[in-house]
């Protein structure tokens, strides 16, 4: 037999457990020596009668089972295991194989069938196929479960607050159309997640999704990146190069941070959106492109247009349909779902235990404004998983209320504080919102409820 071994300390299947059932001590010793270096745990039994209680005490990912055993045969036990609901893989071994035995093994639900004597490589290949298949089954199950649990019913978007449900309904209605979409919202609210969801729900789902961060590309290179260039178009252009519009043909081009696009590129983008044709830098030839454009920004483009930093005609061309993603502070009821989503996503990746979210921690999280929104929350969950506890910092110290306010309700305290900040800002809601860490829309809504109108 091939005695090839893994290098010292190597354990490619460290999360998997194996049970070897064979009445030949030499075979058991051989397999244990080979697998203990590669798997998380390897146990052995000499018969079905010895193995059955072991399987009741723990769940094995894989059973390597000899057919010819004293007492019950391996195939008979495999039939029983399947009838009892055992879902793990079983690799059968035998020194006396014929066609009927092989057929019976497959009917019993064996994942693989090896004829003794076999090489170590043959056994390892059979085990690897089993583990890869079980991994795919688990990942598929988790993905389906995550999708089914999202009440918003938009893949990748997590939340059940009224604000998120409304945004998701809008996304689902827009997705099947070819319309250009403008996604707005603060940084970290999940605009790229929404863009990918639009792509997956569209008729272009089989095509490419090409994301571009307009702020990350130098102004002098952005046109070449988007539209391509011909050889000699500028210094350093030593050969023709296709642009991202070309590579996104038949799919979706996501232009993130569209407000950072330089003025010349804005003019060319407007022409592309209107004519569906691109002209590479330095070329006289126009190339037709079939691309859906989704743009995103955390800037107020209306203000950018008023300041002459963004073309008005391009703004209206992009804003065929606009979807605003709410900040996290305006949907605190989504915090438990988001935290659970990120824990499920990050704990296996980091190989650390899960954390349980208690009511006290949730209350403190809900009281925080989350200026970085969902992106900040994800980083917070990742840091907490690494540390082993939710790292919220020291609890705020209780402070006594001024005289006359001891029995004041939380709503009254909030109202008094917000009105005081508004007064300090001479009624400027935008500035007050900045100081308070809330949006102007939130202040408008609260002032309307309180009957406060003398603000700007």
Protein backbone atom coordinates (compact mmCIF):
# COMPACT_ATOMS: atom_id res chain seq x y z
CA UNK A 1 0.00 0.00 0.00
CA UNK A 2 0.99 3.62 -0.53
CA UNK A 3 2.26 4.91 2.79
CA UNK A 4 2.31 8.56 1.78
CA UNK A 5 1.65 10.73 4.83
CA UNK A 6 0.71 14.32 5.47
CA UNK A 7 3.45 16.56 6.76
CA UNK A 8 3.72 17.01 10.51
CA UNK A 9 0.99 19.20 11.94
CA UNK A 10 -1.07 19.18 8.74
CA UNK A 11 -4.79 18.67 9.36
CA UNK A 12 -6.77 19.63 6.26
CA UNK A 13 -9.95 18.06 7.68
CA UNK A 14 -9.57 19.20 11.27
CA UNK A 15 -13.31 19.87 11.64
CA UNK A 16 -14.28 16.34 10.61
CA UNK A 17 -14.59 13.14 12.64
CA UNK A 18 -14.18 9.59 11.27
CA UNK A 19 -15.16 6.17 12.59
CA UNK A 20 -13.21 3.18 11.16
CA UNK A 21 -14.95 -0.19 11.51
CA UNK A 22 -12.80 -3.21 10.51
CA UNK A 23 -11.86 -6.48 12.23
CA UNK A 24 -8.32 -6.49 10.77
CA UNK A 25 -5.96 -4.83 13.30
CA UNK A 26 -3.42 -4.05 10.59
CA UNK A 27 -5.98 -2.18 8.46
CA UNK A 28 -7.31 -0.27 11.48
CA UNK A 29 -3.79 0.75 12.52
CA UNK A 30 -2.92 1.81 8.95
CA UNK A 31 -6.01 3.99 8.56
CA UNK A 32 -5.71 5.52 12.02
CA UNK A 33 -2.08 6.53 11.44
CA UNK A 34 -2.99 8.09 8.08
CA UNK A 35 -6.16 9.89 9.17
CA UNK A 36 -5.22 11.12 12.63
CA UNK A 37 -2.82 13.59 10.98
CA UNK A 38 -5.56 14.93 8.75
CA UNK A 39 -8.85 14.76 10.68
CA UNK A 40 -10.08 16.27 13.89
CA UNK A 41 -10.73 12.87 15.49
CA UNK A 42 -10.46 9.23 14.41
CA UNK A 43 -12.05 6.37 16.37
CA UNK A 44 -12.04 2.65 15.58
CA UNK A 45 -14.16 -0.42 16.24
CA UNK A 46 -13.71 -4.09 15.37
CA UNK A 47 -17.37 -4.95 14.76
CA UNK A 48 -20.83 -3.48 14.22
CA UNK A 49 -21.76 -4.45 17.79
CA UNK A 50 -18.84 -2.38 19.09
CA UNK A 51 -19.40 0.54 16.69
CA UNK A 52 -23.16 1.02 17.19
CA UNK A 53 -22.91 2.37 20.79
CA UNK A 54 -20.09 4.70 19.71
CA UNK A 55 -22.32 6.19 17.02
CA UNK A 56 -25.01 6.83 19.61
CA UNK A 57 -22.59 8.75 21.82
CA UNK A 58 -21.36 11.12 19.09
CA UNK A 59 -22.08 12.10 15.51
CA UNK A 60 -19.38 11.07 13.02
CA UNK A 61 -19.04 12.90 9.72
CA UNK A 62 -17.80 9.75 7.96
CA UNK A 63 -17.77 6.00 8.58
CA UNK A 64 -15.15 3.85 6.86
CA UNK A 65 -16.79 0.43 7.03
CA UNK A 66 -15.65 -3.07 6.10
CA UNK A 67 -18.35 -5.29 4.58
CA UNK A 68 -17.13 -8.64 5.99
CA UNK A 69 -17.34 -8.34 9.76
CA UNK A 70 -17.98 -10.82 12.58
CA UNK A 71 -21.67 -10.74 13.46
CA UNK A 72 -23.65 -8.28 11.32
CA UNK A 73 -22.18 -7.37 7.93
CA UNK A 74 -21.27 -3.81 7.00
CA UNK A 75 -23.98 -3.60 4.32
CA UNK A 76 -26.68 -4.81 6.73
CA UNK A 77 -25.63 -2.16 9.25
CA UNK A 78 -25.58 0.52 6.55
CA UNK A 79 -29.19 -0.34 5.65
CA UNK A 80 -30.11 0.05 9.32
CA UNK A 81 -28.26 3.36 9.61
CA UNK A 82 -30.11 4.83 6.62
CA UNK A 83 -33.44 3.59 7.97
CA UNK A 84 -32.64 5.28 11.29
CA UNK A 85 -31.86 8.57 9.55
CA UNK A 86 -28.04 8.67 9.62
CA UNK A 87 -27.14 11.29 6.99
CA UNK A 88 -23.32 11.05 7.08
CA UNK A 89 -21.25 9.48 4.34
CA UNK A 90 -20.11 5.85 4.44
CA UNK A 91 -17.16 4.43 2.49
CA UNK A 92 -17.38 0.63 2.18
CA UNK A 93 -14.33 -1.65 1.94
CA UNK A 94 -14.11 -5.31 0.97
CA UNK A 95 -11.57 -7.88 -0.20
CA UNK A 96 -14.23 -10.01 -1.91
CA UNK A 97 -16.19 -7.90 -4.37
CA UNK A 98 -18.52 -8.92 -7.14
CA UNK A 99 -21.10 -7.01 -9.16
CA UNK A 100 -23.97 -7.95 -6.84
CA UNK A 101 -22.04 -6.72 -3.80
CA UNK A 102 -21.25 -3.39 -5.49
CA UNK A 103 -24.90 -2.89 -6.50
CA UNK A 104 -26.06 -3.73 -2.97
CA UNK A 105 -23.56 -1.22 -1.55
CA UNK A 106 -24.87 1.56 -3.77
CA UNK A 107 -28.48 0.71 -2.97
CA UNK A 108 -27.66 0.83 0.72
CA UNK A 109 -26.44 4.40 0.26
CA UNK A 110 -22.65 4.02 0.27
CA UNK A 111 -20.80 7.14 -0.86
CA UNK A 112 -17.88 5.11 -2.23
CA UNK A 113 -16.72 1.52 -2.59
CA UNK A 114 -13.05 0.43 -2.30
CA UNK A 115 -11.60 -2.98 -3.11
CA UNK A 116 -8.81 -4.23 -0.85
CA UNK A 117 -5.90 -3.89 -1.19
CA UNK A 118 -6.15 -0.18 -2.01
CA UNK A 119 -3.57 2.60 -1.88
CA UNK A 120 -3.65 5.37 0.68
CA UNK A 121 -4.18 7.84 -2.15
CA UNK A 122 -7.35 5.99 -3.21
CA UNK A 123 -8.72 6.12 0.31
CA UNK A 124 -7.83 9.80 0.78
CA UNK A 125 -9.45 10.72 -2.54
CA UNK A 126 -12.64 8.91 -1.53
CA UNK A 127 -12.68 10.70 1.84
CA UNK A 128 -12.00 14.08 0.25
CA UNK A 129 -14.93 13.63 -2.15
CA UNK A 130 -17.18 12.82 0.78
CA UNK A 131 -16.10 15.86 2.78
CA UNK A 132 -16.40 18.21 -0.20
CA UNK A 133 -19.88 16.93 -0.94
CA UNK A 134 -21.00 17.31 2.69
CA UNK A 135 -19.57 20.84 2.79
CA UNK A 136 -21.55 21.82 -0.30
CA UNK A 137 -24.72 20.33 1.19
CA UNK A 138 -24.23 22.32 4.41
CA UNK A 139 -23.47 25.56 2.61
CA UNK A 140 -26.52 25.12 0.40
CA UNK A 141 -28.70 24.46 3.43
CA UNK A 142 -27.38 27.51 5.28
CA UNK A 143 -27.88 29.76 2.25
CA UNK A 144 -31.43 28.54 1.71
CA UNK A 145 -32.19 29.01 5.40
CA UNK A 146 -30.80 32.53 5.41
CA UNK A 147 -32.81 33.48 2.36
CA UNK A 148 -36.01 31.95 3.74
CA UNK A 149 -35.61 33.74 7.09
CA UNK A 150 -35.23 37.18 5.59
CA UNK A 151 -38.63 38.68 5.80
CA UNK A 152 -37.61 41.35 3.32
CA UNK A 153 -37.26 38.52 0.76
CA UNK A 154 -34.44 40.24 -1.11
CA UNK A 155 -31.28 38.14 -1.23
CA UNK A 156 -28.47 39.75 0.73
CA UNK A 157 -30.69 42.36 2.39
CA UNK A 158 -31.45 41.68 6.05
CA UNK A 159 -34.21 43.43 7.97
CA UNK A 160 -37.88 43.49 8.83
CA UNK A 161 -38.37 47.11 9.87
CA UNK A 162 -40.97 49.14 8.00
CA UNK A 163 -38.22 51.23 6.40
CA UNK A 164 -36.35 48.18 5.07
CA UNK A 165 -39.50 46.39 3.95
CA UNK A 166 -40.51 49.48 1.96
CA UNK A 167 -37.02 49.72 0.39
CA UNK A 168 -37.05 46.01 -0.49
CA UNK A 169 -40.50 46.20 -2.05
CA UNK A 170 -39.22 49.03 -4.21
CA UNK A 171 -36.14 47.00 -5.18
CA UNK A 172 -38.26 43.99 -6.14
CA UNK A 173 -40.53 46.15 -8.28
CA UNK A 174 -37.60 47.82 -10.05
CA UNK A 175 -35.42 44.75 -10.56
CA UNK A 176 -37.12 43.17 -13.63
CA UNK A 177 -37.06 46.47 -15.56
CA UNK A 178 -34.07 47.80 -17.54
CA UNK A 179 -34.33 51.19 -15.79
CA UNK A 180 -31.27 53.01 -14.49
CA UNK A 181 -31.33 53.14 -10.69
CA UNK A 182 -29.86 55.63 -8.23
CA UNK A 183 -29.22 54.26 -4.72
CA UNK A 184 -28.83 56.90 -2.03
CA UNK A 185 -28.12 56.77 1.68
CA UNK A 186 -25.38 57.32 4.18
CA UNK A 187 -22.06 55.52 3.95
CA UNK A 188 -22.32 51.93 5.17
CA UNK A 189 -26.06 51.47 4.67
CA UNK A 190 -25.57 48.62 2.19
CA UNK A 191 -25.90 50.23 -1.22
CA UNK A 192 -23.66 47.68 -2.94
CA UNK A 193 -25.62 44.84 -1.29
CA UNK A 194 -28.80 46.37 -2.71
CA UNK A 195 -27.18 46.75 -6.13
CA UNK A 196 -26.15 43.09 -6.18
CA UNK A 197 -29.67 42.11 -5.12
CA UNK A 198 -31.11 44.14 -8.01
CA UNK A 199 -28.77 42.36 -10.40
CA UNK A 200 -29.65 38.90 -9.09
CA UNK A 201 -33.39 39.61 -9.34
CA UNK A 202 -33.12 41.07 -12.85
CA UNK A 203 -33.23 39.41 -16.26
CA UNK A 204 -29.48 40.07 -16.43
CA UNK A 205 -28.67 37.77 -13.50
CA UNK A 206 -26.74 35.39 -15.75
CA UNK A 207 -24.53 38.27 -16.94
CA UNK A 208 -21.64 39.90 -15.08
CA UNK A 209 -21.99 42.28 -12.14
CA UNK A 210 -19.15 44.80 -12.37
CA UNK A 211 -18.67 47.15 -9.38
CA UNK A 212 -16.66 50.35 -9.78
CA UNK A 213 -15.69 52.70 -6.95
CA UNK A 214 -15.46 56.04 -8.75
CA UNK A 215 -13.70 57.62 -5.77
CA UNK A 216 -10.89 55.05 -5.83
CA UNK A 217 -9.75 55.73 -9.42
CA UNK A 218 -7.56 58.71 -10.30
CA UNK A 219 -9.41 61.42 -12.22
CA UNK A 220 -7.05 61.12 -15.21
CA UNK A 221 -7.68 57.37 -15.47
CA UNK A 222 -11.42 57.09 -14.84
CA UNK A 223 -12.45 57.50 -18.49
CA UNK A 224 -9.99 54.85 -19.62
CA UNK A 225 -11.20 52.49 -16.86
CA UNK A 226 -14.84 52.95 -17.81
CA UNK A 227 -14.69 53.24 -21.60
CA UNK A 228 -11.31 51.73 -22.53
CA UNK A 229 -8.57 53.24 -24.68
CA UNK A 230 -6.62 52.61 -27.84
CA UNK A 231 -2.88 52.26 -28.17
CA UNK A 232 -1.12 55.63 -27.99
CA UNK A 233 -4.16 57.47 -26.61
CA UNK A 234 -1.99 58.84 -23.80
CA UNK A 235 1.43 58.32 -22.28
CA UNK A 236 1.70 54.73 -21.10
CA UNK A 237 -1.09 53.40 -23.35
CA UNK A 238 1.07 50.76 -25.02
CA UNK A 239 -1.81 48.61 -26.25
CA UNK A 240 -5.57 48.69 -26.69
CA UNK A 241 -7.58 48.06 -23.55
CA UNK A 242 -11.27 47.35 -23.09
CA UNK A 243 -13.18 49.35 -20.48
CA UNK A 244 -15.47 48.18 -17.71
CA UNK A 245 -18.57 49.06 -19.75
CA UNK A 246 -17.37 46.54 -22.30
CA UNK A 247 -16.81 43.82 -19.72
CA UNK A 248 -20.25 44.45 -18.19
CA UNK A 249 -22.08 43.76 -21.47
CA UNK A 250 -25.24 41.78 -20.88
CA UNK A 251 -25.02 42.49 -17.16
CA UNK A 252 -24.92 45.33 -14.65
CA UNK A 253 -22.37 48.08 -14.06
CA UNK A 254 -22.47 49.43 -10.51
CA UNK A 255 -21.01 52.94 -10.22
CA UNK A 256 -20.42 53.52 -6.52
CA UNK A 257 -19.65 57.03 -5.23
CA UNK A 258 -20.96 58.51 -8.47
CA UNK A 259 -20.73 61.98 -6.93
CA UNK A 260 -16.92 61.75 -7.16
CA UNK A 261 -16.94 61.38 -10.95
CA UNK A 262 -14.94 64.18 -12.65
CA UNK A 263 -16.81 66.60 -14.94
CA UNK A 264 -15.39 65.25 -18.26
CA UNK A 265 -16.31 61.69 -17.31
CA UNK A 266 -19.79 62.89 -16.30
CA UNK A 267 -20.34 64.24 -19.82
CA UNK A 268 -19.23 60.97 -21.44
CA UNK A 269 -21.34 58.91 -19.06
CA UNK A 270 -24.43 60.96 -19.93
CA UNK A 271 -23.85 60.27 -23.62
CA UNK A 272 -23.44 56.54 -22.96
CA UNK A 273 -26.68 56.39 -20.95
CA UNK A 274 -28.58 58.19 -23.71
CA UNK A 275 -27.11 56.41 -26.74
CA UNK A 276 -25.97 53.06 -25.27
CA UNK A 277 -22.68 53.39 -27.11
CA UNK A 278 -19.15 53.97 -25.79
CA UNK A 279 -16.12 55.53 -27.43
CA UNK A 280 -12.75 54.39 -26.04
CA UNK A 281 -10.27 57.17 -25.23
CA UNK A 282 -8.38 58.11 -28.40
CA UNK A 283 -10.73 56.21 -30.71
CA UNK A 284 -13.11 57.46 -33.38
CA UNK A 285 -15.12 54.25 -33.28
CA UNK A 286 -18.22 53.87 -31.14
CA UNK A 287 -19.06 50.47 -29.67
CA UNK A 288 -22.65 49.52 -28.79
CA UNK A 289 -23.05 48.22 -25.23
CA UNK A 290 -25.99 46.54 -23.55
CA UNK A 291 -25.46 47.42 -19.89
CA UNK A 292 -27.75 48.31 -17.03
CA UNK A 293 -26.30 51.06 -14.86
CA UNK A 294 -26.89 51.28 -11.12
CA UNK A 295 -25.32 54.29 -9.44
CA UNK A 296 -24.90 55.01 -5.74
CA UNK A 297 -23.90 57.98 -3.62
CA UNK A 298 -23.82 59.10 -0.02
CA UNK A 299 -23.84 62.72 -1.11
CA UNK A 300 -26.88 64.93 -1.60
CA UNK A 301 -26.69 65.18 -5.40
CA UNK A 302 -29.26 67.99 -5.42
CA UNK A 303 -26.82 70.08 -3.40
CA UNK A 304 -23.95 69.00 -5.67
CA UNK A 305 -25.96 70.14 -8.71
CA UNK A 306 -26.75 73.48 -7.05
CA UNK A 307 -23.02 73.94 -6.33
CA UNK A 308 -22.22 73.11 -10.00
CA UNK A 309 -20.15 70.08 -9.00
CA UNK A 310 -22.48 67.59 -10.66
CA UNK A 311 -24.25 67.86 -14.00
CA UNK A 312 -27.96 68.45 -13.67
CA UNK A 313 -28.80 66.53 -16.84
CA UNK A 314 -26.79 63.53 -15.67
CA UNK A 315 -28.51 63.65 -12.28
CA UNK A 316 -31.94 63.47 -13.89
CA UNK A 317 -30.76 60.70 -16.22
CA UNK A 318 -29.49 58.64 -13.29
CA UNK A 319 -32.53 59.35 -11.15
CA UNK A 320 -34.97 57.40 -13.30
CA UNK A 321 -35.73 55.47 -10.14
CA UNK A 322 -34.26 56.40 -6.76
CA UNK A 323 -34.11 54.12 -3.72
CA UNK A 324 -32.95 55.52 -0.39
CA UNK A 325 -31.56 53.03 2.11
CA UNK A 326 -32.33 54.05 5.71
CA UNK A 327 -29.54 54.54 8.26
CA UNK A 328 -29.24 51.91 10.97
CA UNK A 329 -30.22 54.33 13.76
CA UNK A 330 -33.66 54.68 12.15
CA UNK A 331 -34.30 50.91 12.18
CA UNK A 332 -33.07 49.65 15.57
CA UNK A 333 -35.57 46.77 15.41
CA UNK A 334 -33.33 45.22 12.73
CA UNK A 335 -30.33 45.00 15.09
CA UNK A 336 -31.03 41.43 16.35
CA UNK A 337 -31.44 40.10 12.79
CA UNK A 338 -28.30 41.84 11.57
CA UNK A 339 -26.21 40.72 14.54
CA UNK A 340 -27.38 37.12 14.11
CA UNK A 341 -26.67 37.33 10.36
CA UNK A 342 -23.11 38.57 10.91
CA UNK A 343 -22.42 36.06 13.70
CA UNK A 344 -23.56 33.22 11.42
CA UNK A 345 -21.37 34.60 8.66
CA UNK A 346 -18.24 35.44 10.65
CA UNK A 347 -18.01 32.84 13.45
CA UNK A 348 -17.22 29.91 11.09
CA UNK A 349 -14.81 32.11 9.10
CA UNK A 350 -12.95 33.19 12.26
CA UNK A 351 -13.28 29.69 13.75
CA UNK A 352 -14.53 31.09 17.06
CA UNK A 353 -17.57 30.30 19.22
CA UNK A 354 -20.82 32.14 18.63
CA UNK A 355 -22.00 34.90 20.97
CA UNK A 356 -25.53 35.18 22.33
CA UNK A 357 -27.14 38.61 22.28
CA UNK A 358 -28.83 39.40 25.61
CA UNK A 359 -31.47 42.08 26.25
CA UNK A 360 -29.12 44.41 28.11
CA UNK A 361 -26.55 44.39 25.31
CA UNK A 362 -29.27 44.89 22.72
CA UNK A 363 -30.64 47.88 24.63
CA UNK A 364 -27.21 49.51 24.70
CA UNK A 365 -26.74 48.83 20.99
CA UNK A 366 -30.14 50.34 20.21
CA UNK A 367 -29.18 53.50 22.13
CA UNK A 368 -26.08 53.98 19.97
CA UNK A 369 -26.35 56.03 16.75
CA UNK A 370 -24.13 53.79 14.54
CA UNK A 371 -22.66 56.59 12.37
CA UNK A 372 -20.96 53.93 10.22
CA UNK A 373 -24.27 52.09 9.85
CA UNK A 374 -24.34 48.41 8.87
CA UNK A 375 -20.65 48.42 7.94
CA UNK A 376 -19.76 49.60 11.44
CA UNK A 377 -22.07 46.99 12.98
CA UNK A 378 -20.38 44.21 11.01
CA UNK A 379 -16.95 45.37 12.19
CA UNK A 380 -18.28 45.55 15.76
CA UNK A 381 -19.58 41.96 15.57
CA UNK A 382 -16.30 40.73 14.11
CA UNK A 383 -14.30 42.42 16.87
CA UNK A 384 -16.65 41.04 19.53
CA UNK A 385 -16.34 37.49 18.20
CA UNK A 386 -12.55 37.75 18.30
CA UNK A 387 -12.58 39.11 21.87
CA UNK A 388 -15.25 36.69 23.06
CA UNK A 389 -17.71 39.33 24.31
CA UNK A 390 -19.69 42.25 22.92
CA UNK A 391 -17.22 45.12 23.15
CA UNK A 392 -19.50 48.08 23.84
CA UNK A 393 -17.06 49.94 26.05
CA UNK A 394 -17.82 51.09 29.62
CA UNK A 395 -21.44 51.60 30.54
CA UNK A 396 -22.44 55.27 30.76
CA UNK A 397 -22.58 56.56 34.32
CA UNK A 398 -25.97 57.60 35.60
CA UNK A 399 -26.24 61.36 36.12
CA UNK A 400 -28.75 63.15 38.25
CA UNK A 401 -31.35 65.25 36.45
CA UNK A 402 -31.50 68.96 37.23
CA UNK A 403 -33.96 69.99 39.92
CA UNK A 404 -37.52 69.88 38.68
CA UNK A 405 -36.79 67.14 36.11
CA UNK A 406 -36.52 64.06 38.35
CA UNK A 407 -39.85 62.64 37.14
CA UNK A 408 -39.41 63.70 33.53
CA UNK A 409 -40.09 61.03 30.90
CA UNK A 410 -37.49 59.91 28.38
CA UNK A 411 -39.54 61.50 25.57
CA UNK A 412 -39.55 64.82 27.39
CA UNK A 413 -35.80 64.68 27.95
CA UNK A 414 -35.27 63.95 24.26
CA UNK A 415 -37.55 66.78 23.18
CA UNK A 416 -35.93 69.28 25.54
CA UNK A 417 -32.43 68.32 24.39
CA UNK A 418 -33.25 68.43 20.66
CA UNK A 419 -35.00 71.80 20.95
CA UNK A 420 -32.01 73.16 22.89
CA UNK A 421 -29.62 72.05 20.13
CA UNK A 422 -31.94 73.53 17.48
CA UNK A 423 -31.97 76.82 19.37
CA UNK A 424 -28.18 76.79 19.58
CA UNK A 425 -28.09 76.31 15.79
CA UNK A 426 -30.55 79.16 15.18
CA UNK A 427 -33.15 76.68 13.96
CA UNK A 428 -30.87 75.13 11.30
CA UNK A 429 -32.02 71.49 11.19
CA UNK A 430 -29.14 70.32 9.01
CA UNK A 431 -26.55 71.62 11.49
CA UNK A 432 -28.57 70.38 14.47
CA UNK A 433 -28.84 66.94 12.88
CA UNK A 434 -25.08 66.88 12.38
CA UNK A 435 -24.47 67.70 16.05
CA UNK A 436 -27.05 65.21 17.25
CA UNK A 437 -25.95 62.47 14.86
CA UNK A 438 -29.38 62.09 13.26
CA UNK A 439 -30.74 62.87 9.81
CA UNK A 440 -32.63 66.03 8.93
CA UNK A 441 -35.59 63.83 7.98
CA UNK A 442 -35.70 62.52 11.56
CA UNK A 443 -35.70 66.09 12.93
CA UNK A 444 -38.44 67.12 10.48
CA UNK A 445 -40.61 64.26 11.66
CA UNK A 446 -40.09 64.98 15.37
CA UNK A 447 -40.65 68.72 14.95
CA UNK A 448 -43.84 68.04 13.06
CA UNK A 449 -45.11 65.86 15.92
CA UNK A 450 -44.18 68.55 18.45
CA UNK A 451 -45.73 71.33 16.35
CA UNK A 452 -42.40 73.15 15.97
CA UNK A 453 -42.33 75.03 12.66
CA UNK A 454 -39.96 77.98 13.09
CA UNK A 455 -36.84 76.19 11.87
CA UNK A 456 -34.90 76.05 8.63
